[in-house]
Protein backbone atom coordinates (compact mmCIF):
# COMPACT_ATOMS: atom_id res chain seq x y z
CA UNK A 1 1.92 -14.75 -26.70
CA UNK A 2 -1.11 -13.31 -24.86
CA UNK A 3 -0.64 -12.36 -21.22
CA UNK A 4 -3.15 -12.77 -18.40
CA UNK A 5 -3.23 -11.30 -14.92
CA UNK A 6 -4.58 -13.73 -12.35
CA UNK A 7 -5.88 -12.65 -8.97
CA UNK A 8 -6.18 -15.35 -6.34
CA UNK A 9 -8.53 -15.22 -3.39
CA UNK A 10 -8.54 -17.61 -0.46
CA UNK A 11 -8.23 -17.98 3.27
CA UNK A 12 -6.41 -20.23 5.69
CA UNK A 13 -9.60 -22.05 6.71
CA UNK A 14 -10.32 -23.16 3.14
CA UNK A 15 -6.69 -24.11 2.66
CA UNK A 16 -6.65 -26.15 5.88
CA UNK A 17 -9.84 -27.98 4.88
CA UNK A 18 -8.31 -29.12 1.59
CA UNK A 19 -6.72 -32.56 1.46
CA UNK A 20 -2.91 -32.39 1.76
CA UNK A 21 -2.46 -34.33 -1.50
CA UNK A 22 -4.57 -31.73 -3.36
CA UNK A 23 -2.60 -28.88 -1.77
CA UNK A 24 0.72 -30.55 -2.62
CA UNK A 25 -0.34 -31.02 -6.25
CA UNK A 26 -1.43 -27.37 -6.42
CA UNK A 27 1.92 -26.17 -5.07
CA UNK A 28 3.77 -28.40 -7.54
CA UNK A 29 1.67 -26.86 -10.34
CA UNK A 30 2.53 -23.38 -9.02
CA UNK A 31 6.21 -24.25 -9.38
CA UNK A 32 5.62 -25.48 -12.92
CA UNK A 33 4.05 -22.13 -13.78
CA UNK A 34 7.05 -20.31 -12.29
CA UNK A 35 9.40 -22.54 -14.27
CA UNK A 36 7.40 -21.61 -17.38
CA UNK A 37 8.03 -17.91 -16.69
CA UNK A 38 5.00 -16.83 -14.68
CA UNK A 39 5.62 -13.90 -12.36
CA UNK A 40 3.89 -14.59 -9.04
CA UNK A 41 3.57 -12.86 -5.74
CA UNK A 42 1.64 -12.83 -2.49
CA UNK A 43 -0.54 -9.78 -1.94
CA UNK A 44 0.90 -7.25 0.49
CA UNK A 45 -0.83 -4.23 2.03
CA UNK A 46 -2.34 -2.00 -0.67
CA UNK A 47 -2.46 1.75 -1.06
CA UNK A 48 -4.78 3.73 -3.32
CA UNK A 49 -3.37 6.55 -5.43
CA UNK A 50 -5.42 9.36 -6.95
CA UNK A 51 -4.44 12.44 -8.90
CA UNK A 52 -7.78 13.76 -10.13
CA UNK A 53 -7.40 16.41 -12.79
CA UNK A 54 -3.66 16.45 -12.10
CA UNK A 55 -4.39 18.58 -9.03
CA UNK A 56 -2.28 16.62 -6.59
CA UNK A 57 -1.59 13.13 -5.44
CA UNK A 58 -3.82 11.64 -2.74
CA UNK A 59 -2.81 8.39 -1.07
CA UNK A 60 -5.09 6.21 1.07
CA UNK A 61 -4.17 3.01 2.86
CA UNK A 62 -6.29 -0.02 2.10
CA UNK A 63 -7.90 -1.62 -0.89
CA UNK A 64 -10.49 -0.10 -3.20
CA UNK A 65 -12.09 -3.44 -4.07
CA UNK A 66 -13.77 -5.79 -1.64
CA UNK A 67 -14.30 -9.53 -2.01
CA UNK A 68 -15.92 -12.40 -0.15
CA UNK A 69 -12.48 -13.97 0.41
CA UNK A 70 -9.19 -12.24 1.22
CA UNK A 71 -6.90 -11.37 -1.64
CA UNK A 72 -4.10 -13.93 -1.61
CA UNK A 73 -1.87 -13.11 -4.56
CA UNK A 74 -1.27 -12.28 -8.19
CA UNK A 75 0.39 -13.85 -11.19
CA UNK A 76 1.21 -12.72 -14.68
CA UNK A 77 1.05 -15.72 -17.01
CA UNK A 78 1.37 -16.31 -20.72
CA UNK A 79 -1.03 -18.67 -22.47
CA UNK A 80 -2.06 -19.33 -26.05
CA UNK A 81 -5.72 -18.63 -25.22
CA UNK A 82 -8.12 -17.81 -22.41
CA UNK A 83 -9.03 -21.50 -22.37
CA UNK A 84 -5.39 -22.42 -21.67
CA UNK A 85 -5.12 -19.69 -19.00
CA UNK A 86 -8.22 -21.12 -17.29
CA UNK A 87 -6.69 -24.61 -17.36
CA UNK A 88 -3.47 -23.24 -15.85
CA UNK A 89 -5.25 -21.29 -13.10
CA UNK A 90 -7.62 -24.13 -12.23
CA UNK A 91 -4.79 -26.14 -10.69
CA UNK A 92 -3.29 -23.41 -8.50
CA UNK A 93 -3.58 -23.39 -4.69
CA UNK A 94 -6.29 -20.71 -4.58
CA UNK A 95 -8.52 -22.54 -7.07
CA UNK A 96 -7.87 -25.99 -5.59
CA UNK A 97 -8.05 -25.02 -1.90
CA UNK A 98 -11.60 -23.62 -1.77
CA UNK A 99 -10.70 -20.16 -3.04
CA UNK A 100 -11.18 -18.51 -6.41
CA UNK A 101 -9.00 -17.14 -9.20
CA UNK A 102 -9.95 -14.31 -11.54
CA UNK A 103 -8.28 -14.19 -14.93
CA UNK A 104 -7.93 -10.82 -16.63
CA UNK A 105 -6.73 -10.81 -20.25
CA UNK A 106 -4.22 -8.00 -20.72
CA UNK A 107 -4.67 -5.93 -23.83
CA UNK A 108 -1.96 -3.67 -25.21
CA UNK A 109 -2.38 -0.06 -24.15
CA UNK A 110 -1.53 2.45 -26.79
């Protein structure tokens, strides 16, 4: 079954301004995704790793990407299609609580 990486963005202000019933439904949906086998986690502090030309590892604290909202978390989900992955992600806390979710189809690396 195809796998998709989801990246959730959101902040506490947006979450707090979302109706409690909507938040509760989103958290219940999150649990359903976990029960279905999704691997989920909250974003910690990132580090960047480089090893250009194999000349030595360089490590920098902080993210490489920037976004309008803070990075909230990640999930690895399985879905029959991108359409199904979108439906699944649309009910998660980040999507429902004034944030955003990116969905990245994972393709097999050879």
